[in-house]
Amino acid sequence: MLFSSLVFLLLFLPLCLIIYHILPKKNLIYRNAFLLIVSLIFYAWGGTWYIFLMLSVIIVNYLGALWISIDIKNTDAPPKNEPVEENAAEPVNELEHEHKSQPKKYKLFLLLLTNICILFYFKYFNFFIEIIESVTSQNIDIFKVLLPIGISFYLFQAMSYAIDVYSGKVKVQKNFFKLALYISLFPALIAGPIIKYADLESQINNREHTARDFYYGVKRFIYGLAKKVLVANTLGEVADSVFLNHPSALGANIAWIGVIFYALQIYYDFSGYSCMAIGLSRMFGFKIKENFNRPYISTSITEFWKRWHISLTSWFREYVYYPLGGNREGAFRTYINIIIIFLISGLWHGANYTFVIWGGFYAFFLVIERLFLGKTFLKKPNLFNWLYSTIIVLIAWVLFRSPDIDYAINYIAAMFGYFGGVQSVDLFLTMNSILVLPFAVLFCGFIQEWTIKVFSLKPLEKIKSANWAVNLIFLIEALCLLVLFGLVLLMLANKTYNPFIYFQF
């Protein structure tokens, strides 16, 4: 079920909100139980058998974390009947400590391996068979595995919980239903953001429900919905019409239009979904972290990846990059770790060579920036640095969007005039896309950046604190939200084009 579908907007969500807020607040037991049931129904909407897979993942990680926690207690607790002196400086027997902690490591390894095997089977089995076929030049007649929606997101959440229990960052959750709610919470279930258990643990047991938070949630949800339906869908139709052609049929101007429209589409599509997820969560009392921070104003690739898909980047940094050694073991090892992280990140996005190359492409420029560029012209943000960053990102989106490597290479060649195909923009642009494009460019970060600077000026401080100004801003904002929601409903009623790009991941 899509957040941007009429069924969700006019039936599912209103019923959920009404029933949820009618239920008693005491201990949140009833509200949590209702949210869990609703989340399972929401996920089962896309395919009944999916729910059994997700429940299996929840059970495996629930039992696995309990299993790990038993060993934590055995190794960390002081021996019985032996006094423990405060601030004791007695040396630790490293070999004995390592021997005691080995079972805990093996348990975590087995649990993570189980999760990875599940992910591999459902997401990469078909790709693996294709590789074998290309190597052996034989056709392997075998069934195709269907990819369950959102499996990469909720498996990563489950693994982060297990790792945090192992490292002692969070306590093991003994209540199965609370862990199930964390993994299956429907606002972030099928396309993120990836939420760490530590960020949600206390909110499952105790969270506030205020009118201010509810209004904020509604506001964020409608803004995200408008980004998706009014902007991403409109631009996406143009991008799709360009990428349906072979690159040899495209002139340079059309090729650039296609990738620029796609870059804006994927940003408004994914950031719109994240915005809706944050808004929905807030309506139910949960506060989750931002997933985007105006990435297209970046003046380096390093900065871009600090602003784009923040939850995934931080997940890889904390659970893969740091365990590999991070930047603590010398420059060469740091570069190797960066390459490993981005190759895995590329593979996470899809079972295709293009995604692996996409990850390696970014890794190359991140290493180059650490080696050379960061010490020279990237120190001070300027127009040249922004152009450099933007062009690299656009070329990377070609790799991301292309069905295969040959298409990507030819498309990049078309961008630089290699083929000299169709030049007429009238064949691709629509009146709606021409009207939406300026707003899409300005509001992908530039207007927000300017607004932040203007509203930080001292002469505006008195105006911002005045009651009349606050009330006026609230009234204008509420009217804008109503207009946006009305436009979204009209668009959804009249058009069937409504994909979510990140559902495939």
Protein backbone atom coordinates (compact mmCIF):
# COMPACT_ATOMS: atom_id res chain seq x y z
CA MET A 1 0.00 0.00 0.00
CA LEU A 2 1.43 3.36 -1.04
CA PHE A 3 1.30 6.39 1.24
CA SER A 4 0.30 8.31 -1.87
CA SER A 5 -2.66 6.07 -2.73
CA LEU A 6 -6.26 7.17 -2.25
CA VAL A 7 -6.99 4.01 -0.21
CA PHE A 8 -4.30 4.95 2.28
CA LEU A 9 -5.13 8.66 2.41
CA LEU A 10 -8.91 8.44 2.62
CA LEU A 11 -9.48 5.13 4.42
CA PHE A 12 -6.51 3.42 6.07
CA LEU A 13 -4.81 6.42 7.68
CA PRO A 14 -7.95 8.20 8.99
CA LEU A 15 -9.24 4.97 10.56
CA CYS A 16 -5.85 4.26 12.14
CA LEU A 17 -5.58 7.74 13.63
CA ILE A 18 -9.14 7.78 14.99
CA ILE A 19 -8.93 4.35 16.62
CA TYR A 20 -5.38 4.93 17.92
CA HIS A 21 -6.25 8.19 19.68
CA ILE A 22 -9.50 6.80 21.10
CA LEU A 23 -7.58 4.00 22.84
CA PRO A 24 -6.45 4.70 26.45
CA LYS A 25 -2.99 6.17 26.97
CA LYS A 26 -2.24 4.17 30.14
CA ASN A 27 1.09 2.35 29.73
CA LEU A 28 0.62 2.55 25.95
CA ILE A 29 -0.20 -1.18 25.95
CA TYR A 30 -3.36 -0.88 23.87
CA ARG A 31 -1.93 1.71 21.49
CA ASN A 32 1.23 -0.33 20.90
CA ALA A 33 -0.82 -3.47 20.31
CA PHE A 34 -3.03 -1.62 17.84
CA LEU A 35 -0.01 -0.16 16.00
CA LEU A 36 1.55 -3.62 15.72
CA ILE A 37 -1.65 -5.09 14.24
CA VAL A 38 -2.02 -2.16 11.84
CA SER A 39 1.63 -2.46 10.76
CA LEU A 40 1.22 -6.15 9.98
CA ILE A 41 -1.96 -5.47 7.98
CA PHE A 42 -0.18 -2.65 6.12
CA TYR A 43 2.70 -4.96 5.14
CA ALA A 44 0.42 -7.88 4.25
CA TRP A 45 -1.44 -5.59 1.82
CA GLY A 46 1.41 -6.02 -0.68
CA GLY A 47 1.30 -9.83 -0.45
CA THR A 48 0.04 -12.10 2.32
CA TRP A 49 3.07 -14.38 2.31
CA TYR A 50 5.38 -11.40 2.96
CA ILE A 51 4.04 -11.20 6.50
CA PHE A 52 5.29 -14.70 7.34
CA LEU A 53 8.78 -13.77 6.18
CA MET A 54 8.86 -10.62 8.30
CA LEU A 55 7.50 -12.47 11.34
CA SER A 56 10.22 -15.10 10.85
CA VAL A 57 12.86 -12.35 10.82
CA ILE A 58 11.40 -10.88 14.02
CA ILE A 59 11.35 -14.27 15.77
CA VAL A 60 14.91 -15.15 14.68
CA ASN A 61 16.34 -11.84 15.93
CA TYR A 62 14.26 -11.85 19.12
CA LEU A 63 15.53 -15.32 20.09
CA GLY A 64 19.05 -14.61 18.80
CA ALA A 65 19.40 -11.44 20.89
CA LEU A 66 18.14 -13.29 23.97
CA TRP A 67 20.70 -16.01 23.27
CA ILE A 68 23.50 -13.41 23.01
CA SER A 69 22.35 -11.64 26.18
CA ILE A 70 22.69 -14.84 28.23
CA ASP A 71 26.39 -14.96 27.41
CA ILE A 72 26.76 -11.24 28.13
CA LYS A 73 25.49 -11.82 31.65
CA ASN A 74 27.82 -14.77 32.15
CA THR A 75 30.94 -12.92 30.98
CA ASP A 76 30.25 -9.47 32.36
CA ALA A 77 28.91 -10.33 35.83
CA PRO A 78 31.45 -10.64 38.70
CA PRO A 79 31.90 -14.14 40.19
CA LYS A 80 29.55 -14.98 43.02
CA ASN A 81 30.75 -14.67 46.62
CA GLU A 82 33.77 -12.60 45.55
CA PRO A 83 33.83 -8.94 46.62
CA VAL A 84 34.46 -6.33 43.97
CA GLU A 85 36.53 -3.32 45.02
CA GLU A 86 35.57 0.05 43.67
CA ASN A 87 38.13 1.60 41.31
CA ALA A 88 40.19 -1.60 41.39
CA ALA A 89 43.29 -1.37 39.22
CA GLU A 90 43.98 -5.08 38.99
CA PRO A 91 45.33 -6.09 35.56
CA VAL A 92 43.01 -8.03 33.24
CA ASN A 93 43.99 -11.37 31.81
CA GLU A 94 43.37 -10.61 28.13
CA LEU A 95 43.53 -14.22 26.98
CA GLU A 96 41.04 -15.32 29.63
CA HIS A 97 38.72 -12.41 28.79
CA GLU A 98 38.96 -13.21 25.07
CA HIS A 99 38.20 -16.87 25.74
CA LYS A 100 35.13 -15.96 27.79
CA SER A 101 33.79 -13.59 25.14
CA GLN A 102 34.24 -16.00 22.23
CA PRO A 103 30.79 -17.66 22.61
CA LYS A 104 29.15 -14.23 22.43
CA LYS A 105 30.99 -13.43 19.18
CA TYR A 106 30.05 -16.78 17.66
CA LYS A 107 26.40 -16.24 18.56
CA LEU A 108 26.37 -12.79 16.95
CA PHE A 109 28.13 -14.18 13.89
CA LEU A 110 25.53 -16.94 13.49
CA LEU A 111 22.65 -14.49 13.94
CA LEU A 112 24.05 -11.99 11.43
CA LEU A 113 24.84 -14.81 9.00
CA THR A 114 21.22 -15.95 9.22
CA ASN A 115 19.98 -12.45 8.42
CA ILE A 116 22.44 -12.07 5.54
CA CYS A 117 21.45 -15.46 4.10
CA ILE A 118 17.79 -14.39 4.15
CA LEU A 119 18.70 -11.15 2.38
CA PHE A 120 20.93 -12.97 -0.11
CA TYR A 121 18.27 -15.49 -1.04
CA PHE A 122 15.46 -13.03 -1.62
CA LYS A 123 17.49 -10.19 -3.10
CA TYR A 124 20.56 -11.68 -4.78
CA PHE A 125 19.74 -15.31 -5.66
CA ASN A 126 18.54 -14.41 -9.17
CA PHE A 127 21.65 -12.24 -9.71
CA PHE A 128 23.87 -15.10 -8.50
CA ILE A 129 22.28 -17.49 -11.00
CA GLU A 130 22.79 -14.93 -13.78
CA ILE A 131 26.50 -14.71 -12.91
CA ILE A 132 26.85 -18.49 -13.03
CA GLU A 133 25.05 -18.57 -16.39
CA SER A 134 27.36 -15.90 -17.84
CA VAL A 135 30.49 -17.68 -16.58
CA THR A 136 29.47 -21.18 -17.67
CA SER A 137 27.53 -20.09 -20.81
CA GLN A 138 24.74 -22.41 -19.75
CA ASN A 139 21.07 -21.71 -19.17
CA ILE A 140 20.01 -22.74 -15.67
CA ASP A 141 16.29 -23.41 -15.73
CA ILE A 142 15.26 -22.47 -12.20
CA PHE A 143 12.47 -20.51 -10.57
CA LYS A 144 12.80 -16.78 -10.03
CA VAL A 145 12.73 -15.51 -6.45
CA LEU A 146 10.38 -12.59 -5.83
CA LEU A 147 11.80 -9.65 -3.89
CA PRO A 148 9.69 -8.81 -0.80
CA ILE A 149 9.02 -5.10 -0.36
CA GLY A 150 11.24 -3.34 2.17
CA ILE A 151 13.29 -6.41 3.13
CA SER A 152 16.59 -4.47 3.05
CA PHE A 153 15.23 -1.88 5.47
CA TYR A 154 13.70 -4.07 8.15
CA LEU A 155 16.56 -6.61 8.03
CA PHE A 156 19.06 -3.80 8.60
CA GLN A 157 17.01 -2.62 11.57
CA ALA A 158 16.94 -6.15 12.99
CA MET A 159 20.71 -6.55 12.55
CA SER A 160 21.44 -3.18 14.17
CA TYR A 161 19.39 -4.28 17.20
CA ALA A 162 21.33 -7.54 17.51
CA ILE A 163 24.71 -5.77 17.20
CA ASP A 164 23.73 -3.14 19.78
CA VAL A 165 22.64 -5.86 22.23
CA TYR A 166 26.00 -7.59 21.68
CA SER A 167 27.99 -4.38 22.24
CA GLY A 168 25.93 -3.42 25.29
CA LYS A 169 24.53 -0.21 23.77
CA VAL A 170 20.98 -1.37 24.45
CA LYS A 171 19.40 -3.91 26.75
CA VAL A 172 17.83 -6.97 25.22
CA GLN A 173 14.08 -6.57 24.66
CA LYS A 174 12.37 -9.46 26.46
CA ASN A 175 8.91 -8.42 25.30
CA PHE A 176 8.47 -10.00 21.87
CA PHE A 177 5.64 -7.65 20.86
CA LYS A 178 7.67 -4.51 21.57
CA LEU A 179 10.53 -5.75 19.40
CA ALA A 180 8.02 -6.71 16.71
CA LEU A 181 6.61 -3.17 16.82
CA TYR A 182 10.11 -1.69 16.40
CA ILE A 183 10.91 -3.82 13.34
CA SER A 184 7.47 -3.59 11.70
CA LEU A 185 6.42 0.01 12.52
CA PHE A 186 4.60 0.84 9.30
CA PRO A 187 5.64 4.48 8.67
CA ALA A 188 9.26 3.40 8.08
CA LEU A 189 8.67 -0.25 7.19
CA ILE A 190 9.07 -0.43 3.43
CA ALA A 191 11.38 2.43 2.46
CA GLY A 192 13.00 3.72 5.64
CA PRO A 193 14.46 5.74 7.20
CA ILE A 194 16.44 2.95 8.87
CA ILE A 195 15.76 3.43 12.58
CA LYS A 196 18.19 2.20 15.23
CA TYR A 197 16.60 0.46 18.20
CA ALA A 198 18.42 2.80 20.59
CA ASP A 199 16.54 5.75 19.06
CA LEU A 200 13.13 4.11 19.52
CA GLU A 201 13.60 2.01 22.66
CA SER A 202 12.39 4.58 25.21
CA GLN A 203 9.59 5.82 22.93
CA ILE A 204 8.00 2.38 22.72
CA ASN A 205 7.54 2.42 26.49
CA ASN A 206 6.91 6.12 27.00
CA ARG A 207 6.05 8.83 24.47
CA GLU A 208 4.05 12.03 24.51
CA HIS A 209 1.03 12.84 22.37
CA THR A 210 0.54 16.59 22.04
CA ALA A 211 -1.51 18.74 19.68
CA ARG A 212 1.67 20.53 18.61
CA ASP A 213 3.37 17.25 17.70
CA PHE A 214 0.29 16.01 15.86
CA TYR A 215 0.07 19.20 13.80
CA TYR A 216 3.79 18.97 13.04
CA GLY A 217 3.26 15.38 11.89
CA VAL A 218 0.38 16.38 9.62
CA LYS A 219 2.46 19.22 8.19
CA ARG A 220 5.45 17.00 7.44
CA PHE A 221 3.24 14.31 5.95
CA ILE A 222 1.46 16.70 3.57
CA TYR A 223 4.73 18.35 2.52
CA GLY A 224 6.21 14.92 1.81
CA LEU A 225 3.07 13.88 -0.05
CA ALA A 226 3.23 17.01 -2.23
CA LYS A 227 6.92 16.42 -2.95
CA LYS A 228 6.11 12.92 -4.10
CA VAL A 229 2.87 13.41 -6.05
CA LEU A 230 3.14 16.96 -7.40
CA VAL A 231 6.89 17.10 -8.08
CA ALA A 232 8.47 13.62 -8.28
CA ASN A 233 5.67 12.09 -10.34
CA THR A 234 5.57 15.01 -12.78
CA LEU A 235 9.34 15.02 -13.32
CA GLY A 236 9.47 11.22 -13.37
CA GLU A 237 7.27 10.99 -16.44
CA VAL A 238 9.78 13.09 -18.39
CA ALA A 239 12.76 11.12 -17.06
CA ASP A 240 11.12 7.81 -17.97
CA SER A 241 10.27 9.02 -21.48
CA VAL A 242 13.95 9.91 -22.05
CA PHE A 243 15.42 6.73 -20.57
CA LEU A 244 13.04 4.55 -22.62
CA ASN A 245 15.10 5.53 -25.68
CA HIS A 246 18.45 4.05 -26.61
CA PRO A 247 21.16 6.66 -25.90
CA SER A 248 22.24 6.68 -29.55
CA ALA A 249 18.88 8.30 -30.38
CA LEU A 250 19.45 11.19 -27.96
CA GLY A 251 21.14 14.53 -28.45
CA ALA A 252 23.25 15.97 -25.66
CA ASN A 253 20.53 18.39 -24.54
CA ILE A 254 17.93 15.59 -24.24
CA ALA A 255 20.36 13.34 -22.38
CA TRP A 256 21.08 16.09 -19.84
CA ILE A 257 17.37 16.81 -19.46
CA GLY A 258 16.73 13.13 -18.77
CA VAL A 259 19.34 12.79 -16.02
CA ILE A 260 18.53 16.16 -14.41
CA PHE A 261 14.85 15.28 -14.27
CA TYR A 262 15.71 11.86 -12.87
CA ALA A 263 18.01 13.36 -10.22
CA LEU A 264 15.21 15.67 -9.08
CA GLN A 265 12.65 12.85 -9.29
CA ILE A 266 14.61 10.45 -7.08
CA TYR A 267 15.30 13.21 -4.55
CA TYR A 268 11.68 14.34 -4.26
CA ASP A 269 10.48 10.73 -4.41
CA PHE A 270 12.70 9.40 -1.63
CA SER A 271 12.93 12.52 0.53
CA GLY A 272 9.17 12.87 0.12
CA TYR A 273 8.67 9.34 1.42
CA SER A 274 11.05 9.99 4.32
CA CYS A 275 9.20 13.21 5.10
CA MET A 276 5.89 11.32 5.12
CA ALA A 277 7.41 8.61 7.36
CA ILE A 278 8.62 11.24 9.84
CA GLY A 279 5.21 12.94 9.79
CA LEU A 280 3.25 9.71 10.24
CA SER A 281 5.52 8.62 13.09
CA ARG A 282 5.00 11.96 14.85
CA MET A 283 1.20 11.59 14.57
CA PHE A 284 1.57 8.38 16.59
CA GLY A 285 3.97 9.96 19.08
CA PHE A 286 7.29 8.71 17.66
CA LYS A 287 10.17 11.04 16.85
CA ILE A 288 12.56 9.69 14.24
CA LYS A 289 15.62 11.33 12.73
CA GLU A 290 15.86 13.18 9.44
CA ASN A 291 17.04 11.27 6.38
CA PHE A 292 17.93 14.14 4.02
CA ASN A 293 19.57 17.51 4.49
CA ARG A 294 19.47 19.42 1.18
CA PRO A 295 22.04 17.17 -0.60
CA TYR A 296 22.02 19.05 -3.91
CA ILE A 297 23.63 22.14 -2.40
CA SER A 298 26.74 20.08 -1.60
CA THR A 299 30.11 21.34 -2.80
CA SER A 300 31.89 17.98 -2.56
CA ILE A 301 31.04 14.30 -2.81
CA THR A 302 32.00 13.87 0.85
CA GLU A 303 29.44 16.51 1.80
CA PHE A 304 26.83 14.97 -0.49
CA TRP A 305 27.02 11.66 1.37
CA LYS A 306 26.64 13.44 4.69
CA ARG A 307 23.36 14.86 3.41
CA TRP A 308 21.89 12.03 1.27
CA HIS A 309 20.09 8.99 2.79
CA ILE A 310 21.60 9.81 6.18
CA SER A 311 20.17 6.75 7.96
CA LEU A 312 21.82 4.30 5.54
CA THR A 313 25.13 6.16 5.53
CA SER A 314 25.24 6.24 9.34
CA TRP A 315 24.26 2.54 9.46
CA PHE A 316 27.20 1.53 7.26
CA ARG A 317 29.53 3.87 9.13
CA GLU A 318 28.61 2.49 12.56
CA TYR A 319 28.16 -1.21 11.78
CA VAL A 320 30.66 -1.80 8.96
CA TYR A 321 33.16 1.07 8.58
CA TYR A 322 34.11 1.38 12.26
CA PRO A 323 34.40 -2.40 12.83
CA LEU A 324 36.72 -2.56 9.79
CA GLY A 325 38.95 -0.03 11.53
CA GLY A 326 37.52 3.21 10.17
CA ASN A 327 40.30 5.76 9.81
CA ARG A 328 42.24 4.56 12.85
CA GLU A 329 44.70 2.28 11.05
CA GLY A 330 46.41 4.57 8.60
CA ALA A 331 45.51 6.29 5.34
CA PHE A 332 45.77 3.24 3.06
CA ARG A 333 43.47 1.13 5.25
CA THR A 334 41.02 4.05 5.43
CA TYR A 335 40.79 4.20 1.63
CA ILE A 336 40.25 0.42 1.43
CA ASN A 337 37.49 0.68 4.03
CA ILE A 338 35.78 3.47 2.07
CA ILE A 339 35.88 1.37 -1.11
CA ILE A 340 34.47 -1.67 0.71
CA ILE A 341 31.65 0.38 2.25
CA PHE A 342 30.53 1.91 -1.02
CA LEU A 343 30.75 -1.33 -2.99
CA ILE A 344 28.51 -2.94 -0.35
CA SER A 345 26.26 0.12 -0.40
CA GLY A 346 25.94 -0.19 -4.18
CA LEU A 347 25.07 -3.86 -3.90
CA TRP A 348 22.55 -3.04 -1.15
CA HIS A 349 20.67 -0.86 -3.63
CA GLY A 350 20.20 -3.65 -6.13
CA ALA A 351 21.40 -6.93 -7.62
CA ASN A 352 22.99 -5.50 -10.74
CA TYR A 353 26.51 -4.67 -11.90
CA THR A 354 25.45 -1.08 -12.44
CA PHE A 355 24.83 -0.60 -8.70
CA VAL A 356 28.24 -2.06 -7.81
CA ILE A 357 29.93 0.29 -10.29
CA TRP A 358 27.80 3.15 -8.94
CA GLY A 359 29.18 2.45 -5.46
CA GLY A 360 32.74 2.12 -6.77
CA PHE A 361 32.36 5.38 -8.73
CA TYR A 362 31.50 7.26 -5.54
CA ALA A 363 34.26 5.49 -3.61
CA PHE A 364 36.80 6.66 -6.20
CA PHE A 365 35.88 10.33 -5.78
CA LEU A 366 35.69 10.07 -1.98
CA VAL A 367 39.24 8.69 -1.94
CA ILE A 368 40.42 11.32 -4.45
CA GLU A 369 38.94 14.08 -2.28
CA ARG A 370 40.77 12.75 0.78
CA LEU A 371 44.02 12.42 -1.14
CA PHE A 372 44.10 15.62 -3.19
CA LEU A 373 40.98 17.70 -3.71
CA GLY A 374 40.12 18.31 -0.07
CA LYS A 375 43.50 19.92 0.46
CA THR A 376 43.15 22.30 -2.48
CA PHE A 377 40.03 23.72 -4.07
CA LEU A 378 37.39 21.99 -1.94
CA LYS A 379 38.35 23.89 1.20
CA LYS A 380 36.13 26.88 0.41
CA PRO A 381 32.62 26.29 -0.99
CA ASN A 382 32.09 28.13 -4.26
CA LEU A 383 30.27 27.82 -7.57
CA PHE A 384 33.03 25.74 -9.17
CA ASN A 385 32.99 23.21 -6.33
CA TRP A 386 29.20 22.98 -6.53
CA LEU A 387 29.37 22.38 -10.30
CA TYR A 388 32.02 19.69 -9.82
CA SER A 389 29.92 17.92 -7.19
CA THR A 390 26.69 18.21 -9.18
CA ILE A 391 28.17 16.83 -12.40
CA ILE A 392 29.66 13.83 -10.58
CA VAL A 393 26.31 13.15 -8.87
CA LEU A 394 24.43 13.40 -12.18
CA ILE A 395 26.81 10.95 -13.89
CA ALA A 396 26.38 8.62 -10.92
CA TRP A 397 22.59 8.79 -11.34
CA VAL A 398 23.01 7.57 -14.92
CA LEU A 399 24.72 4.44 -13.55
CA PHE A 400 21.98 4.08 -10.96
CA ARG A 401 19.13 4.43 -13.46
CA SER A 402 20.53 2.40 -16.36
CA PRO A 403 19.42 -1.22 -16.90
CA ASP A 404 22.95 -2.37 -17.74
CA ILE A 405 26.52 -1.15 -18.10
CA ASP A 406 26.42 -0.75 -21.90
CA TYR A 407 23.38 1.50 -21.64
CA ALA A 408 25.08 3.61 -18.94
CA ILE A 409 28.26 4.07 -20.98
CA ASN A 410 26.30 5.03 -24.08
CA TYR A 411 24.08 7.41 -22.13
CA ILE A 412 27.09 9.21 -20.62
CA ALA A 413 28.56 9.42 -24.12
CA ALA A 414 25.26 10.94 -25.34
CA MET A 415 25.46 13.57 -22.58
CA PHE A 416 28.69 14.81 -24.13
CA GLY A 417 27.38 14.83 -27.70
CA TYR A 418 28.87 11.58 -28.97
CA PHE A 419 25.79 10.45 -30.92
CA GLY A 420 24.05 13.68 -31.91
CA GLY A 421 20.56 12.21 -31.91
CA VAL A 422 17.17 13.89 -31.41
CA GLN A 423 17.51 17.50 -30.27
CA SER A 424 13.85 18.56 -30.00
CA VAL A 425 12.78 18.99 -26.37
CA ASP A 426 9.12 19.24 -27.40
CA LEU A 427 9.02 15.44 -27.74
CA PHE A 428 9.74 14.98 -24.03
CA LEU A 429 8.79 18.04 -21.99
CA THR A 430 5.20 18.65 -20.95
CA MET A 431 3.60 21.88 -19.78
CA ASN A 432 3.30 20.52 -16.22
CA SER A 433 6.98 19.56 -16.12
CA ILE A 434 8.03 23.01 -17.38
CA LEU A 435 5.97 24.67 -14.63
CA VAL A 436 7.21 22.32 -11.90
CA LEU A 437 10.91 22.33 -12.83
CA PRO A 438 11.83 25.83 -11.47
CA PHE A 439 10.14 25.07 -8.13
CA ALA A 440 11.85 21.67 -7.99
CA VAL A 441 15.28 23.24 -8.52
CA LEU A 442 14.78 26.09 -6.06
CA PHE A 443 13.20 23.99 -3.30
CA CYS A 444 15.73 21.15 -3.39
CA GLY A 445 17.80 23.17 -0.95
CA PHE A 446 18.56 26.63 -2.30
CA ILE A 447 15.43 28.40 -1.00
CA GLN A 448 15.74 26.67 2.38
CA GLU A 449 19.37 27.74 2.68
CA TRP A 450 18.46 31.34 1.84
CA THR A 451 15.50 31.30 4.27
CA ILE A 452 17.70 30.09 7.13
CA LYS A 453 20.12 32.96 6.52
CA VAL A 454 17.38 35.60 6.27
CA PHE A 455 15.49 34.49 9.39
CA SER A 456 18.69 34.46 11.41
CA LEU A 457 19.04 38.25 10.98
CA LYS A 458 18.68 40.23 14.21
CA PRO A 459 16.06 42.76 12.96
CA LEU A 460 13.63 39.85 12.46
CA GLU A 461 13.95 38.53 16.01
CA LYS A 462 11.23 40.85 17.42
CA ILE A 463 8.86 40.07 14.55
CA LYS A 464 9.36 36.31 14.95
CA SER A 465 8.53 36.49 18.65
CA ALA A 466 5.36 38.61 18.20
CA ASN A 467 2.05 36.80 18.69
CA TRP A 468 0.47 38.37 15.61
CA ALA A 469 3.36 37.16 13.46
CA VAL A 470 3.15 33.63 14.88
CA ASN A 471 -0.60 33.49 14.29
CA LEU A 472 -0.27 34.89 10.77
CA ILE A 473 2.42 32.36 9.85
CA PHE A 474 0.31 29.53 11.29
CA LEU A 475 -2.75 30.65 9.29
CA ILE A 476 -0.82 30.95 6.02
CA GLU A 477 0.83 27.58 6.62
CA ALA A 478 -2.49 25.86 7.36
CA LEU A 479 -4.02 27.29 4.18
CA CYS A 480 -1.02 26.13 2.14
CA LEU A 481 -1.36 22.63 3.60
CA LEU A 482 -5.05 22.48 2.66
CA VAL A 483 -4.31 23.66 -0.89
CA LEU A 484 -1.46 21.18 -1.29
CA PHE A 485 -3.57 18.29 -0.01
CA GLY A 486 -6.40 19.24 -2.35
CA LEU A 487 -4.02 19.38 -5.34
CA VAL A 488 -2.59 15.99 -4.39
CA LEU A 489 -6.06 14.41 -4.30
CA LEU A 490 -6.90 15.91 -7.70
CA MET A 491 -3.64 14.64 -9.17
CA LEU A 492 -4.15 11.14 -7.77
CA ALA A 493 -7.72 11.02 -9.04
CA ASN A 494 -6.67 11.95 -12.58
CA LYS A 495 -3.36 10.06 -13.01
CA THR A 496 -2.19 6.49 -12.57
CA TYR A 497 1.58 7.18 -12.69
CA ASN A 498 2.60 6.83 -9.04
CA PRO A 499 5.76 4.70 -8.51
CA PHE A 500 8.06 4.74 -5.48
CA ILE A 501 11.65 4.27 -6.68
CA TYR A 502 13.08 2.95 -3.39
CA PHE A 503 10.41 0.24 -3.01
CA GLN A 504 12.63 -1.99 -5.16
CA PHE A 505 15.37 -1.86 -2.53
